[in-house]
Amino acid sequence: MAIDTIKWVNGAVRIIDQTLLPEKLVYINCRDVKTLWHAIKELKVRGAPALGIAAAYGVLLGIKDFKGDSTPQFARHVCDVCDYIAKSRPTAVNLFNALGQMRLLVLYNPDKPVAILKAVLEAEANAIYEEDRAVCRAMGKHGAALIKNGMTCMTVCNAGALATADYGTALGVFYAAKEAGRKFSVYSLETRPLLQGSRLTAWELMRNKVDVTTICDNMAATVMKNKKVDIIFTGADRIASNGDAANKIGTYMLAVLAKHHGIPFYVVAPKTTFDLKIKTGKQIPIEERAPEEVTHFGLRPTAPKGVKVFNPAFDVTPNELITGIVTEYGIVRKPYVKNIHETFRV
């Protein structure tokens, strides 16, 4: 998937404005941390791995104009920048993991000059970017082994190149399978209310010549019943130590339907998406977004003015509904508490 979703270019974070897809492919150069913060909040850049990269590069934006040579003052400034970026979105743990890495580099090197610390932070941000590229390829390879010729697959939201630095998590499995010569098709749920599945996933898969059909979210059960769906892959924004997985709203519904119809349900996510400090998905913070995302389609009202709205951006799929979790280390299966810890050696 030859597309650069996010990249550090000449002192700016260059991102695709995903709110304009699929009609327009437009790049934005975020030259200050405030611009990037709003790009994250407004979903111009999104997807757990990409948010981790954006957070790391956001720190570079926040420190590039720091004046002076006081390491303690610089360290406080870095922590302030990290705290600011952390307020952009609450659910994707990759964002917080990347900020933690950047923060610790400064706190663990109190004697280094400011100029050296700036260089070290830039190297770390670039390493986070490069690591995600390698991880995407590894996850794709492990997941592609699950796809056989003639299979019909299903996915929700967007967990592809637009959500990472390479070709994605769940969609990376499809790309790797295609590269291996497999013939298969994909149903992409539209993913209300912001239509990431139809606007982004269908756009990606068509560009990569993967056979894709877009359906409304509420058609999933009928498609499972009347059409043969062999396997489902989704991404994740945070996975608890017991395997409970938070992903875009509608994923839990899809997992329940998959269980009823006997369809294997796989989550694809890197180690950086696991939050091993929490025991279950009940501890995952769920972002609630503006009611206008539900009551309007663009500028057009689709609900009566003043109606009450509940708009969670994510839901949590309990581990008992998940067949396996595809990681860069391989496929983790039940019992999740034991096998997740053994996989990551923690």
C-alpha atoms as a PDB file:
ATOM      1  CA  MET A   1       0.000   0.000   0.000  1.00  0.00           C
ATOM      2  CA  ALA A   2       2.093   2.881  -1.303  1.00  0.00           C
ATOM      3  CA  ILE A   3       0.806   5.802   0.753  1.00  0.00           C
ATOM      4  CA  ASP A   4       2.432   7.862   3.493  1.00  0.00           C
ATOM      5  CA  THR A   5      -0.256   8.503   6.102  1.00  0.00           C
ATOM      6  CA  ILE A   6       2.104  10.284   8.487  1.00  0.00           C
ATOM      7  CA  LYS A   7       5.719  11.373   8.115  1.00  0.00           C
ATOM      8  CA  TRP A   8       8.259  13.783   9.622  1.00  0.00           C
ATOM      9  CA  VAL A   9       9.313  16.114   6.790  1.00  0.00           C
ATOM     10  CA  ASN A  10      11.518  19.187   7.187  1.00  0.00           C
ATOM     11  CA  GLY A  11      10.511  19.915  10.760  1.00  0.00           C
ATOM     12  CA  ALA A  12       6.784  19.328  10.227  1.00  0.00           C
ATOM     13  CA  VAL A  13       4.398  16.398  10.632  1.00  0.00           C
ATOM     14  CA  ARG A  14       2.906  15.711   7.221  1.00  0.00           C
ATOM     15  CA  ILE A  15      -0.412  13.872   7.417  1.00  0.00           C
ATOM     16  CA  ILE A  16      -3.255  12.941   5.110  1.00  0.00           C
ATOM     17  CA  ASP A  17      -6.413  14.848   6.036  1.00  0.00           C
ATOM     18  CA  GLN A  18      -8.620  11.784   6.379  1.00  0.00           C
ATOM     19  CA  THR A  19     -11.772  13.852   6.824  1.00  0.00           C
ATOM     20  CA  LEU A  20     -11.612  14.707   3.105  1.00  0.00           C
ATOM     21  CA  LEU A  21     -11.366  11.116   1.860  1.00  0.00           C
ATOM     22  CA  PRO A  22     -12.461   9.523  -0.393  1.00  0.00           C
ATOM     23  CA  GLU A  23     -13.198  12.611  -2.507  1.00  0.00           C
ATOM     24  CA  LYS A  24      -9.845  14.339  -2.050  1.00  0.00           C
ATOM     25  CA  LEU A  25      -6.352  13.168  -1.130  1.00  0.00           C
ATOM     26  CA  VAL A  26      -4.915  16.206   0.659  1.00  0.00           C
ATOM     27  CA  TYR A  27      -1.764  16.441   2.762  1.00  0.00           C
ATOM     28  CA  ILE A  28      -1.428  18.824   5.705  1.00  0.00           C
ATOM     29  CA  ASN A  29       1.872  20.007   7.172  1.00  0.00           C
ATOM     30  CA  CYS A  30       1.490  20.449  10.935  1.00  0.00           C
ATOM     31  CA  ARG A  31       4.256  22.853  11.928  1.00  0.00           C
ATOM     32  CA  ASP A  32       3.261  23.373  15.557  1.00  0.00           C
ATOM     33  CA  VAL A  33       1.902  21.149  18.293  1.00  0.00           C
ATOM     34  CA  LYS A  34      -1.436  22.973  18.520  1.00  0.00           C
ATOM     35  CA  THR A  35      -2.189  22.265  14.857  1.00  0.00           C
ATOM     36  CA  LEU A  36      -1.334  18.610  15.339  1.00  0.00           C
ATOM     37  CA  TRP A  37      -3.441  18.420  18.526  1.00  0.00           C
ATOM     38  CA  HIS A  38      -6.486  19.609  16.604  1.00  0.00           C
ATOM     39  CA  ALA A  39      -5.706  17.237  13.726  1.00  0.00           C
ATOM     40  CA  ILE A  40      -5.812  14.347  16.221  1.00  0.00           C
ATOM     41  CA  LYS A  41      -8.978  15.596  17.896  1.00  0.00           C
ATOM     42  CA  GLU A  42     -10.753  16.163  14.573  1.00  0.00           C
ATOM     43  CA  LEU A  43      -9.734  12.721  13.214  1.00  0.00           C
ATOM     44  CA  LYS A  44      -7.629  14.148  10.422  1.00  0.00           C
ATOM     45  CA  VAL A  45      -5.097  11.614  11.638  1.00  0.00           C
ATOM     46  CA  ARG A  46      -6.451   8.537  13.422  1.00  0.00           C
ATOM     47  CA  GLY A  47      -5.835   4.854  14.121  1.00  0.00           C
ATOM     48  CA  ALA A  48      -4.016   3.642  17.215  1.00  0.00           C
ATOM     49  CA  PRO A  49      -0.516   3.086  15.744  1.00  0.00           C
ATOM     50  CA  ALA A  50      -0.657   6.328  13.739  1.00  0.00           C
ATOM     51  CA  LEU A  51      -1.702   8.213  16.876  1.00  0.00           C
ATOM     52  CA  GLY A  52       1.346   6.867  18.682  1.00  0.00           C
ATOM     53  CA  ILE A  53       3.569   8.159  15.892  1.00  0.00           C
ATOM     54  CA  ALA A  54       1.706  11.478  15.816  1.00  0.00           C
ATOM     55  CA  ALA A  55       2.206  11.849  19.571  1.00  0.00           C
ATOM     56  CA  ALA A  56       5.961  11.245  19.305  1.00  0.00           C
ATOM     57  CA  TYR A  57       6.346  13.708  16.453  1.00  0.00           C
ATOM     58  CA  GLY A  58       4.077  16.124  18.318  1.00  0.00           C
ATOM     59  CA  VAL A  59       6.664  16.264  21.088  1.00  0.00           C
ATOM     60  CA  LEU A  60       9.247  17.337  18.493  1.00  0.00           C
ATOM     61  CA  LEU A  61       6.922  20.116  17.369  1.00  0.00           C
ATOM     62  CA  GLY A  62       6.435  21.199  20.961  1.00  0.00           C
ATOM     63  CA  ILE A  63      10.153  21.450  21.733  1.00  0.00           C
ATOM     64  CA  LYS A  64      11.622  22.830  18.526  1.00  0.00           C
ATOM     65  CA  ASP A  65      11.288  26.466  19.642  1.00  0.00           C
ATOM     66  CA  PHE A  66      12.541  25.893  23.191  1.00  0.00           C
ATOM     67  CA  LYS A  67      15.229  28.452  24.029  1.00  0.00           C
ATOM     68  CA  GLY A  68      17.909  28.071  26.668  1.00  0.00           C
ATOM     69  CA  ASP A  69      20.272  25.396  27.878  1.00  0.00           C
ATOM     70  CA  SER A  70      18.731  24.451  31.230  1.00  0.00           C
ATOM     71  CA  THR A  71      18.114  20.712  31.204  1.00  0.00           C
ATOM     72  CA  PRO A  72      15.670  20.805  34.164  1.00  0.00           C
ATOM     73  CA  GLN A  73      13.604  23.513  32.448  1.00  0.00           C
ATOM     74  CA  PHE A  74      13.681  21.562  29.197  1.00  0.00           C
ATOM     75  CA  ALA A  75      12.559  18.401  30.976  1.00  0.00           C
ATOM     76  CA  ARG A  76       9.602  20.262  32.495  1.00  0.00           C
ATOM     77  CA  HIS A  77       8.753  21.661  29.080  1.00  0.00           C
ATOM     78  CA  VAL A  78       8.794  18.175  27.510  1.00  0.00           C
ATOM     79  CA  CYS A  79       6.488  16.878  30.249  1.00  0.00           C
ATOM     80  CA  ASP A  80       4.119  19.818  29.692  1.00  0.00           C
ATOM     81  CA  VAL A  81       4.028  19.087  25.954  1.00  0.00           C
ATOM     82  CA  CYS A  82       3.311  15.409  26.650  1.00  0.00           C
ATOM     83  CA  ASP A  83       0.508  16.321  29.040  1.00  0.00           C
ATOM     84  CA  TYR A  84      -1.014  18.609  26.413  1.00  0.00           C
ATOM     85  CA  ILE A  85      -0.952  15.987  23.653  1.00  0.00           C
ATOM     86  CA  ALA A  86      -2.379  13.377  26.038  1.00  0.00           C
ATOM     87  CA  LYS A  87      -5.583  15.417  26.297  1.00  0.00           C
ATOM     88  CA  SER A  88      -6.356  15.095  22.579  1.00  0.00           C
ATOM     89  CA  ARG A  89      -7.989  11.620  22.676  1.00  0.00           C
ATOM     90  CA  PRO A  90      -8.334   9.186  25.591  1.00  0.00           C
ATOM     91  CA  THR A  91      -8.765   5.625  24.290  1.00  0.00           C
ATOM     92  CA  ALA A  92      -5.872   4.658  21.980  1.00  0.00           C
ATOM     93  CA  VAL A  93      -3.124   3.533  24.332  1.00  0.00           C
ATOM     94  CA  ASN A  94      -0.447   3.800  21.624  1.00  0.00           C
ATOM     95  CA  LEU A  95      -0.632   7.560  22.011  1.00  0.00           C
ATOM     96  CA  PHE A  96       0.133   7.341  25.732  1.00  0.00           C
ATOM     97  CA  ASN A  97       2.818   4.700  25.261  1.00  0.00           C
ATOM     98  CA  ALA A  98       4.689   6.906  22.790  1.00  0.00           C
ATOM     99  CA  LEU A  99       4.425   9.923  25.069  1.00  0.00           C
ATOM    100  CA  GLY A 100       5.736   7.801  27.932  1.00  0.00           C
ATOM    101  CA  GLN A 101       8.760   6.791  25.868  1.00  0.00           C
ATOM    102  CA  MET A 102       9.552  10.405  24.994  1.00  0.00           C
ATOM    103  CA  ARG A 103       9.059  11.603  28.562  1.00  0.00           C
ATOM    104  CA  LEU A 104      11.290   8.910  30.070  1.00  0.00           C
ATOM    105  CA  LEU A 105      14.147   9.684  27.697  1.00  0.00           C
ATOM    106  CA  VAL A 106      14.404  13.151  29.207  1.00  0.00           C
ATOM    107  CA  LEU A 107      13.762  12.178  32.814  1.00  0.00           C
ATOM    108  CA  TYR A 108      16.362   9.387  32.689  1.00  0.00           C
ATOM    109  CA  ASN A 109      19.048  11.676  31.224  1.00  0.00           C
ATOM    110  CA  PRO A 110      19.120  14.691  33.573  1.00  0.00           C
ATOM    111  CA  ASP A 111      22.788  15.476  32.861  1.00  0.00           C
ATOM    112  CA  LYS A 112      22.653  15.630  29.064  1.00  0.00           C
ATOM    113  CA  PRO A 113      22.702  19.036  27.311  1.00  0.00           C
ATOM    114  CA  VAL A 114      19.469  20.283  25.772  1.00  0.00           C
ATOM    115  CA  ALA A 115      20.836  20.036  22.231  1.00  0.00           C
ATOM    116  CA  ILE A 116      21.700  16.371  22.760  1.00  0.00           C
ATOM    117  CA  LEU A 117      18.284  15.645  24.281  1.00  0.00           C
ATOM    118  CA  LYS A 118      16.545  17.201  21.284  1.00  0.00           C
ATOM    119  CA  ALA A 119      18.526  14.940  18.977  1.00  0.00           C
ATOM    120  CA  VAL A 120      17.794  11.906  21.146  1.00  0.00           C
ATOM    121  CA  LEU A 121      14.058  12.674  21.126  1.00  0.00           C
ATOM    122  CA  GLU A 122      14.015  13.030  17.341  1.00  0.00           C
ATOM    123  CA  ALA A 123      15.819   9.708  16.993  1.00  0.00           C
ATOM    124  CA  GLU A 124      13.284   8.063  19.313  1.00  0.00           C
ATOM    125  CA  ALA A 125      10.317   9.455  17.374  1.00  0.00           C
ATOM    126  CA  ASN A 126      11.804   8.171  14.129  1.00  0.00           C
ATOM    127  CA  ALA A 127      12.422   4.789  15.776  1.00  0.00           C
ATOM    128  CA  ILE A 128       8.751   4.590  16.812  1.00  0.00           C
ATOM    129  CA  TYR A 129       7.822   5.281  13.184  1.00  0.00           C
ATOM    130  CA  GLU A 130      10.199   2.664  11.761  1.00  0.00           C
ATOM    131  CA  GLU A 131       9.184   0.080  14.357  1.00  0.00           C
ATOM    132  CA  ASP A 132       5.544   0.415  13.334  1.00  0.00           C
ATOM    133  CA  ARG A 133       6.458  -0.223   9.714  1.00  0.00           C
ATOM    134  CA  ALA A 134       8.243  -3.452  10.630  1.00  0.00           C
ATOM    135  CA  VAL A 135       5.482  -4.518  13.017  1.00  0.00           C
ATOM    136  CA  CYS A 136       2.801  -4.065  10.348  1.00  0.00           C
ATOM    137  CA  ARG A 137       4.671  -6.435   8.041  1.00  0.00           C
ATOM    138  CA  ALA A 138       5.096  -9.043  10.767  1.00  0.00           C
ATOM    139  CA  MET A 139       1.413  -8.919  11.764  1.00  0.00           C
ATOM    140  CA  GLY A 140       0.383  -9.126   8.121  1.00  0.00           C
ATOM    141  CA  LYS A 141       2.478 -12.240   7.589  1.00  0.00           C
ATOM    142  CA  HIS A 142       1.080 -14.016  10.665  1.00  0.00           C
ATOM    143  CA  GLY A 143      -2.510 -13.074   9.867  1.00  0.00           C
ATOM    144  CA  ALA A 144      -2.283 -13.917   6.172  1.00  0.00           C
ATOM    145  CA  ALA A 145      -1.747 -17.577   7.098  1.00  0.00           C
ATOM    146  CA  LEU A 146      -5.389 -17.609   8.263  1.00  0.00           C
ATOM    147  CA  ILE A 147      -6.743 -16.641   4.833  1.00  0.00           C
ATOM    148  CA  LYS A 148      -7.309 -19.436   2.315  1.00  0.00           C
ATOM    149  CA  ASN A 149      -8.228 -19.191  -1.363  1.00  0.00           C
ATOM    150  CA  GLY A 150     -11.899 -18.450  -1.919  1.00  0.00           C
ATOM    151  CA  MET A 151     -12.537 -17.051   1.570  1.00  0.00           C
ATOM    152  CA  THR A 152     -14.946 -14.223   2.264  1.00  0.00           C
ATOM    153  CA  CYS A 153     -13.691 -11.877   4.994  1.00  0.00           C
ATOM    154  CA  MET A 154     -15.272  -9.038   6.942  1.00  0.00           C
ATOM    155  CA  THR A 155     -13.907  -5.980   8.745  1.00  0.00           C
ATOM    156  CA  VAL A 156     -15.118  -2.824  10.473  1.00  0.00           C
ATOM    157  CA  CYS A 157     -13.776   0.739  10.642  1.00  0.00           C
ATOM    158  CA  ASN A 158     -10.302   1.307   9.201  1.00  0.00           C
ATOM    159  CA  ALA A 159      -7.232  -0.571  10.386  1.00  0.00           C
ATOM    160  CA  GLY A 160      -5.069  -0.168   7.331  1.00  0.00           C
ATOM    161  CA  ALA A 161      -2.379   2.076   5.900  1.00  0.00           C
ATOM    162  CA  LEU A 162      -4.374   5.124   6.991  1.00  0.00           C
ATOM    163  CA  ALA A 163      -4.120   3.985  10.617  1.00  0.00           C
ATOM    164  CA  THR A 164      -0.397   3.145  10.677  1.00  0.00           C
ATOM    165  CA  ALA A 165       2.989   3.981   9.169  1.00  0.00           C
ATOM    166  CA  ASP A 166       2.832   1.063   6.760  1.00  0.00           C
ATOM    167  CA  TYR A 167       0.011  -1.132   5.467  1.00  0.00           C
ATOM    168  CA  GLY A 168      -1.956  -1.592   8.605  1.00  0.00           C
ATOM    169  CA  THR A 169      -3.087  -4.073  11.219  1.00  0.00           C
ATOM    170  CA  ALA A 170      -6.313  -5.808  10.121  1.00  0.00           C
ATOM    171  CA  LEU A 171      -6.009  -4.606   6.523  1.00  0.00           C
ATOM    172  CA  GLY A 172      -2.335  -5.498   6.569  1.00  0.00           C
ATOM    173  CA  VAL A 173      -3.477  -9.106   6.812  1.00  0.00           C
ATOM    174  CA  PHE A 174      -5.407  -8.663   3.560  1.00  0.00           C
ATOM    175  CA  TYR A 175      -2.483  -6.977   1.813  1.00  0.00           C
ATOM    176  CA  ALA A 176      -0.085  -9.713   2.903  1.00  0.00           C
ATOM    177  CA  ALA A 177      -2.513 -12.413   1.761  1.00  0.00           C
ATOM    178  CA  LYS A 178      -2.860 -10.711  -1.614  1.00  0.00           C
ATOM    179  CA  GLU A 179       0.926 -10.511  -1.952  1.00  0.00           C
ATOM    180  CA  ALA A 180       1.039 -14.247  -1.228  1.00  0.00           C
ATOM    181  CA  GLY A 181      -1.258 -14.862  -4.194  1.00  0.00           C
ATOM    182  CA  ARG A 182      -4.473 -15.688  -2.287  1.00  0.00           C
ATOM    183  CA  LYS A 183      -7.847 -14.997  -3.891  1.00  0.00           C
ATOM    184  CA  PHE A 184     -10.457 -13.714  -1.431  1.00  0.00           C
ATOM    185  CA  SER A 185     -13.078 -11.011  -0.947  1.00  0.00           C
ATOM    186  CA  VAL A 186     -13.867  -8.556   1.847  1.00  0.00           C
ATOM    187  CA  TYR A 187     -17.047  -7.043   3.256  1.00  0.00           C
ATOM    188  CA  SER A 188     -16.323  -3.634   4.770  1.00  0.00           C
ATOM    189  CA  LEU A 189     -18.870  -2.304   7.272  1.00  0.00           C
ATOM    190  CA  GLU A 190     -19.507   1.414   6.688  1.00  0.00           C
ATOM    191  CA  THR A 191     -18.927   2.177  10.416  1.00  0.00           C
ATOM    192  CA  ARG A 192     -21.334   4.863  11.545  1.00  0.00           C
ATOM    193  CA  PRO A 193     -21.358   7.665  12.437  1.00  0.00           C
ATOM    194  CA  LEU A 194     -18.179   8.812  10.633  1.00  0.00           C
ATOM    195  CA  LEU A 195     -18.074   6.096   7.968  1.00  0.00           C
ATOM    196  CA  GLN A 196     -14.421   5.078   8.313  1.00  0.00           C
ATOM    197  CA  GLY A 197     -15.260   1.686   6.827  1.00  0.00           C
ATOM    198  CA  SER A 198     -16.780   3.082   3.651  1.00  0.00           C
ATOM    199  CA  ARG A 199     -14.783   6.308   3.276  1.00  0.00           C
ATOM    200  CA  LEU A 200     -11.366   4.900   4.211  1.00  0.00           C
ATOM    201  CA  THR A 201     -11.253   1.096   4.156  1.00  0.00           C
ATOM    202  CA  ALA A 202     -13.111   0.701   0.866  1.00  0.00           C
ATOM    203  CA  TRP A 203     -10.918   3.443  -0.635  1.00  0.00           C
ATOM    204  CA  GLU A 204      -7.745   1.680   0.517  1.00  0.00           C
ATOM    205  CA  LEU A 205      -8.771  -1.786  -0.604  1.00  0.00           C
ATOM    206  CA  MET A 206      -9.915  -0.588  -4.019  1.00  0.00           C
ATOM    207  CA  ARG A 207      -6.614   1.252  -4.528  1.00  0.00           C
ATOM    208  CA  ASN A 208      -4.839  -2.011  -3.744  1.00  0.00           C
ATOM    209  CA  LYS A 209      -7.150  -4.021  -6.022  1.00  0.00           C
ATOM    210  CA  VAL A 210      -8.642  -6.103  -3.218  1.00  0.00           C
ATOM    211  CA  ASP A 211     -12.190  -7.326  -3.932  1.00  0.00           C
ATOM    212  CA  VAL A 212     -14.291  -5.260  -1.485  1.00  0.00           C
ATOM    213  CA  THR A 213     -18.024  -4.772  -0.956  1.00  0.00           C
ATOM    214  CA  THR A 214     -19.281  -2.079   1.419  1.00  0.00           C
ATOM    215  CA  ILE A 215     -22.361  -2.762   3.542  1.00  0.00           C
ATOM    216  CA  CYS A 216     -24.229  -0.788   6.191  1.00  0.00           C
ATOM    217  CA  ASP A 217     -23.454  -1.780   9.780  1.00  0.00           C
ATOM    218  CA  ASN A 218     -26.956  -3.142  10.321  1.00  0.00           C
ATOM    219  CA  MET A 219     -26.603  -5.490   7.340  1.00  0.00           C
ATOM    220  CA  ALA A 220     -23.859  -7.574   8.961  1.00  0.00           C
ATOM    221  CA  ALA A 221     -26.187 -10.203  10.438  1.00  0.00           C
ATOM    222  CA  THR A 222     -28.051 -10.685   7.156  1.00  0.00           C
ATOM    223  CA  VAL A 223     -24.809 -11.002   5.230  1.00  0.00           C
ATOM    224  CA  MET A 224     -23.524 -13.587   7.721  1.00  0.00           C
ATOM    225  CA  LYS A 225     -26.772 -15.539   7.455  1.00  0.00           C
ATOM    226  CA  ASN A 226     -27.336 -15.366   3.695  1.00  0.00           C
ATOM    227  CA  LYS A 227     -23.786 -15.078   2.368  1.00  0.00           C
ATOM    228  CA  LYS A 228     -20.832 -17.177   3.400  1.00  0.00           C
ATOM    229  CA  VAL A 229     -18.521 -15.168   5.688  1.00  0.00           C
ATOM    230  CA  ASP A 230     -15.507 -17.253   6.660  1.00  0.00           C
ATOM    231  CA  ILE A 231     -13.481 -14.981   8.932  1.00  0.00           C
ATOM    232  CA  ILE A 232     -13.485 -11.511  10.506  1.00  0.00           C
ATOM    233  CA  PHE A 233     -10.520  -9.248  11.221  1.00  0.00           C
ATOM    234  CA  THR A 234     -10.618  -5.997  13.201  1.00  0.00           C
ATOM    235  CA  GLY A 235      -8.075  -3.636  14.688  1.00  0.00           C
ATOM    236  CA  ALA A 236      -7.953  -2.390  18.283  1.00  0.00           C
ATOM    237  CA  ASP A 237      -7.221   0.814  20.156  1.00  0.00           C
ATOM    238  CA  ARG A 238      -6.479  -0.730  23.543  1.00  0.00           C
ATOM    239  CA  ILE A 239      -6.303  -4.336  24.766  1.00  0.00           C
ATOM    240  CA  ALA A 240      -6.430  -5.220  28.459  1.00  0.00           C
ATOM    241  CA  SER A 241      -4.183  -7.865  29.990  1.00  0.00           C
ATOM    242  CA  ASN A 242      -7.042 -10.399  29.848  1.00  0.00           C
ATOM    243  CA  GLY A 243      -7.578  -9.890  26.098  1.00  0.00           C
ATOM    244  CA  ASP A 244     -10.647  -7.638  26.260  1.00  0.00           C
ATOM    245  CA  ALA A 245     -10.278  -5.300  23.267  1.00  0.00           C
ATOM    246  CA  ALA A 246     -11.562  -1.776  22.690  1.00  0.00           C
ATOM    247  CA  ASN A 247     -12.126  -0.837  19.071  1.00  0.00           C
ATOM    248  CA  LYS A 248     -14.406   1.402  17.019  1.00  0.00           C
ATOM    249  CA  ILE A 249     -18.035   1.330  18.096  1.00  0.00           C
ATOM    250  CA  GLY A 250     -19.810  -1.580  16.416  1.00  0.00           C
ATOM    251  CA  THR A 251     -16.971  -4.059  16.857  1.00  0.00           C
ATOM    252  CA  TYR A 252     -18.617  -5.663  19.906  1.00  0.00           C
ATOM    253  CA  MET A 253     -21.841  -6.070  17.931  1.00  0.00           C
ATOM    254  CA  LEU A 254     -19.880  -7.726  15.128  1.00  0.00           C
ATOM    255  CA  ALA A 255     -18.213 -10.131  17.575  1.00  0.00           C
ATOM    256  CA  VAL A 256     -21.578 -11.146  19.063  1.00  0.00           C
ATOM    257  CA  LEU A 257     -22.958 -11.819  15.577  1.00  0.00           C
ATOM    258  CA  ALA A 258     -19.839 -13.788  14.658  1.00  0.00           C
ATOM    259  CA  LYS A 259     -20.270 -15.971  17.739  1.00  0.00           C
ATOM    260  CA  HIS A 260     -23.894 -16.697  16.834  1.00  0.00           C
ATOM    261  CA  HIS A 261     -22.983 -17.628  13.261  1.00  0.00           C
ATOM    262  CA  GLY A 262     -19.855 -19.613  14.170  1.00  0.00           C
ATOM    263  CA  ILE A 263     -17.418 -17.282  12.374  1.00  0.00           C
ATOM    264  CA  PRO A 264     -13.825 -16.912  13.688  1.00  0.00           C
ATOM    265  CA  PHE A 265     -13.231 -13.389  15.004  1.00  0.00           C
ATOM    266  CA  TYR A 266      -9.635 -12.097  15.087  1.00  0.00           C
ATOM    267  CA  VAL A 267      -8.220  -8.854  16.488  1.00  0.00           C
ATOM    268  CA  VAL A 268      -4.999  -7.589  14.896  1.00  0.00           C
ATOM    269  CA  ALA A 269      -2.843  -5.291  17.023  1.00  0.00           C
ATOM    270  CA  PRO A 270       0.806  -4.707  17.980  1.00  0.00           C
ATOM    271  CA  LYS A 271       2.330  -4.963  21.437  1.00  0.00           C
ATOM    272  CA  THR A 272       2.032  -1.167  21.792  1.00  0.00           C
ATOM    273  CA  THR A 273      -1.776  -1.484  21.773  1.00  0.00           C
ATOM    274  CA  PHE A 274      -1.780  -3.715  24.860  1.00  0.00           C
ATOM    275  CA  ASP A 275      -2.289  -2.021  28.221  1.00  0.00           C
ATOM    276  CA  LEU A 276      -0.981  -4.616  30.648  1.00  0.00           C
ATOM    277  CA  LYS A 277      -1.536  -2.287  33.617  1.00  0.00           C
ATOM    278  CA  ILE A 278      -5.278  -2.917  33.452  1.00  0.00           C
ATOM    279  CA  LYS A 279      -6.923  -6.259  34.147  1.00  0.00           C
ATOM    280  CA  THR A 280     -10.101  -6.041  32.072  1.00  0.00           C
ATOM    281  CA  GLY A 281     -11.810  -3.954  29.430  1.00  0.00           C
ATOM    282  CA  LYS A 282     -13.976  -2.351  32.102  1.00  0.00           C
ATOM    283  CA  GLN A 283     -10.984  -0.151  32.951  1.00  0.00           C
ATOM    284  CA  ILE A 284     -10.553   1.181  29.409  1.00  0.00           C
ATOM    285  CA  PRO A 285     -11.647   4.837  29.075  1.00  0.00           C
ATOM    286  CA  ILE A 286     -14.197   5.233  26.290  1.00  0.00           C
ATOM    287  CA  GLU A 287     -14.215   8.510  24.401  1.00  0.00           C
ATOM    288  CA  GLU A 288     -17.581  10.184  23.876  1.00  0.00           C
ATOM    289  CA  ARG A 289     -17.719  12.536  20.939  1.00  0.00           C
ATOM    290  CA  ALA A 290     -19.864  15.460  19.807  1.00  0.00           C
ATOM    291  CA  PRO A 291     -23.582  14.798  19.212  1.00  0.00           C
ATOM    292  CA  GLU A 292     -23.337  16.496  15.814  1.00  0.00           C
ATOM    293  CA  GLU A 293     -21.539  13.427  14.476  1.00  0.00           C
ATOM    294  CA  VAL A 294     -24.822  11.549  14.946  1.00  0.00           C
ATOM    295  CA  THR A 295     -27.395  14.274  14.311  1.00  0.00           C
ATOM    296  CA  HIS A 296     -25.837  15.563  11.083  1.00  0.00           C
ATOM    297  CA  PHE A 297     -24.489  14.137   7.854  1.00  0.00           C
ATOM    298  CA  GLY A 298     -21.997  16.801   6.913  1.00  0.00           C
ATOM    299  CA  LEU A 299     -23.991  20.006   7.260  1.00  0.00           C
ATOM    300  CA  ARG A 300     -27.347  18.308   6.747  1.00  0.00           C
ATOM    301  CA  PRO A 301     -29.438  17.544   9.876  1.00  0.00           C
ATOM    302  CA  THR A 302     -30.514  13.893  10.142  1.00  0.00           C
ATOM    303  CA  ALA A 303     -32.259  14.109  13.523  1.00  0.00           C
ATOM    304  CA  PRO A 304     -34.643  16.577  15.192  1.00  0.00           C
ATOM    305  CA  LYS A 305     -32.994  19.585  16.816  1.00  0.00           C
ATOM    306  CA  GLY A 306     -32.452  19.120  20.546  1.00  0.00           C
ATOM    307  CA  VAL A 307     -32.695  15.322  20.584  1.00  0.00           C
ATOM    308  CA  LYS A 308     -30.538  13.629  23.217  1.00  0.00           C
ATOM    309  CA  VAL A 309     -27.528  11.784  21.789  1.00  0.00           C
ATOM    310  CA  PHE A 310     -25.233   9.080  23.129  1.00  0.00           C
ATOM    311  CA  ASN A 311     -22.107   8.906  20.971  1.00  0.00           C
ATOM    312  CA  PRO A 312     -19.345   6.627  22.314  1.00  0.00           C
ATOM    313  CA  ALA A 313     -16.500   6.307  19.820  1.00  0.00           C
ATOM    314  CA  PHE A 314     -15.498   2.813  20.961  1.00  0.00           C
ATOM    315  CA  ASP A 315     -16.856  -0.345  22.538  1.00  0.00           C
ATOM    316  CA  VAL A 316     -15.141  -3.247  24.278  1.00  0.00           C
ATOM    317  CA  THR A 317     -15.276  -6.800  22.964  1.00  0.00           C
ATOM    318  CA  PRO A 318     -14.913  -9.322  25.816  1.00  0.00           C
ATOM    319  CA  ASN A 319     -12.151 -11.865  25.393  1.00  0.00           C
ATOM    320  CA  GLU A 320     -14.513 -14.859  25.210  1.00  0.00           C
ATOM    321  CA  LEU A 321     -15.746 -13.588  21.826  1.00  0.00           C
ATOM    322  CA  ILE A 322     -12.242 -13.282  20.359  1.00  0.00           C
ATOM    323  CA  THR A 323     -10.818 -16.316  18.534  1.00  0.00           C
ATOM    324  CA  GLY A 324      -7.271 -14.980  18.564  1.00  0.00           C
ATOM    325  CA  ILE A 325      -5.171 -11.815  18.641  1.00  0.00           C
ATOM    326  CA  VAL A 326      -2.697 -11.417  15.789  1.00  0.00           C
ATOM    327  CA  THR A 327       0.469  -9.627  16.953  1.00  0.00           C
ATOM    328  CA  GLU A 328       3.955  -9.127  15.529  1.00  0.00           C
ATOM    329  CA  TYR A 329       5.017 -12.096  17.697  1.00  0.00           C
ATOM    330  CA  GLY A 330       2.396 -14.445  16.290  1.00  0.00           C
ATOM    331  CA  ILE A 331      -1.221 -15.300  17.086  1.00  0.00           C
ATOM    332  CA  VAL A 332      -2.149 -15.211  20.775  1.00  0.00           C
ATOM    333  CA  ARG A 333      -4.944 -17.579  21.736  1.00  0.00           C
ATOM    334  CA  LYS A 334      -6.845 -18.493  24.904  1.00  0.00           C
ATOM    335  CA  PRO A 335      -6.194 -18.497  27.814  1.00  0.00           C
ATOM    336  CA  TYR A 336      -5.344 -14.848  27.183  1.00  0.00           C
ATOM    337  CA  VAL A 337      -4.047 -13.804  30.596  1.00  0.00           C
ATOM    338  CA  LYS A 338      -1.416 -16.533  30.503  1.00  0.00           C
ATOM    339  CA  ASN A 339      -0.563 -16.372  26.825  1.00  0.00           C
ATOM    340  CA  ILE A 340      -0.416 -12.579  26.504  1.00  0.00           C
ATOM    341  CA  HIS A 341       2.097 -12.391  29.324  1.00  0.00           C
ATOM    342  CA  GLU A 342       4.120 -15.281  27.911  1.00  0.00           C
ATOM    343  CA  THR A 343       4.101 -13.752  24.431  1.00  0.00           C
ATOM    344  CA  PHE A 344       5.441 -10.411  25.624  1.00  0.00           C
ATOM    345  CA  ARG A 345       7.618 -11.884  28.397  1.00  0.00           C
ATOM    346  CA  VAL A 346       6.224  -9.625  31.110  1.00  0.00           C
END
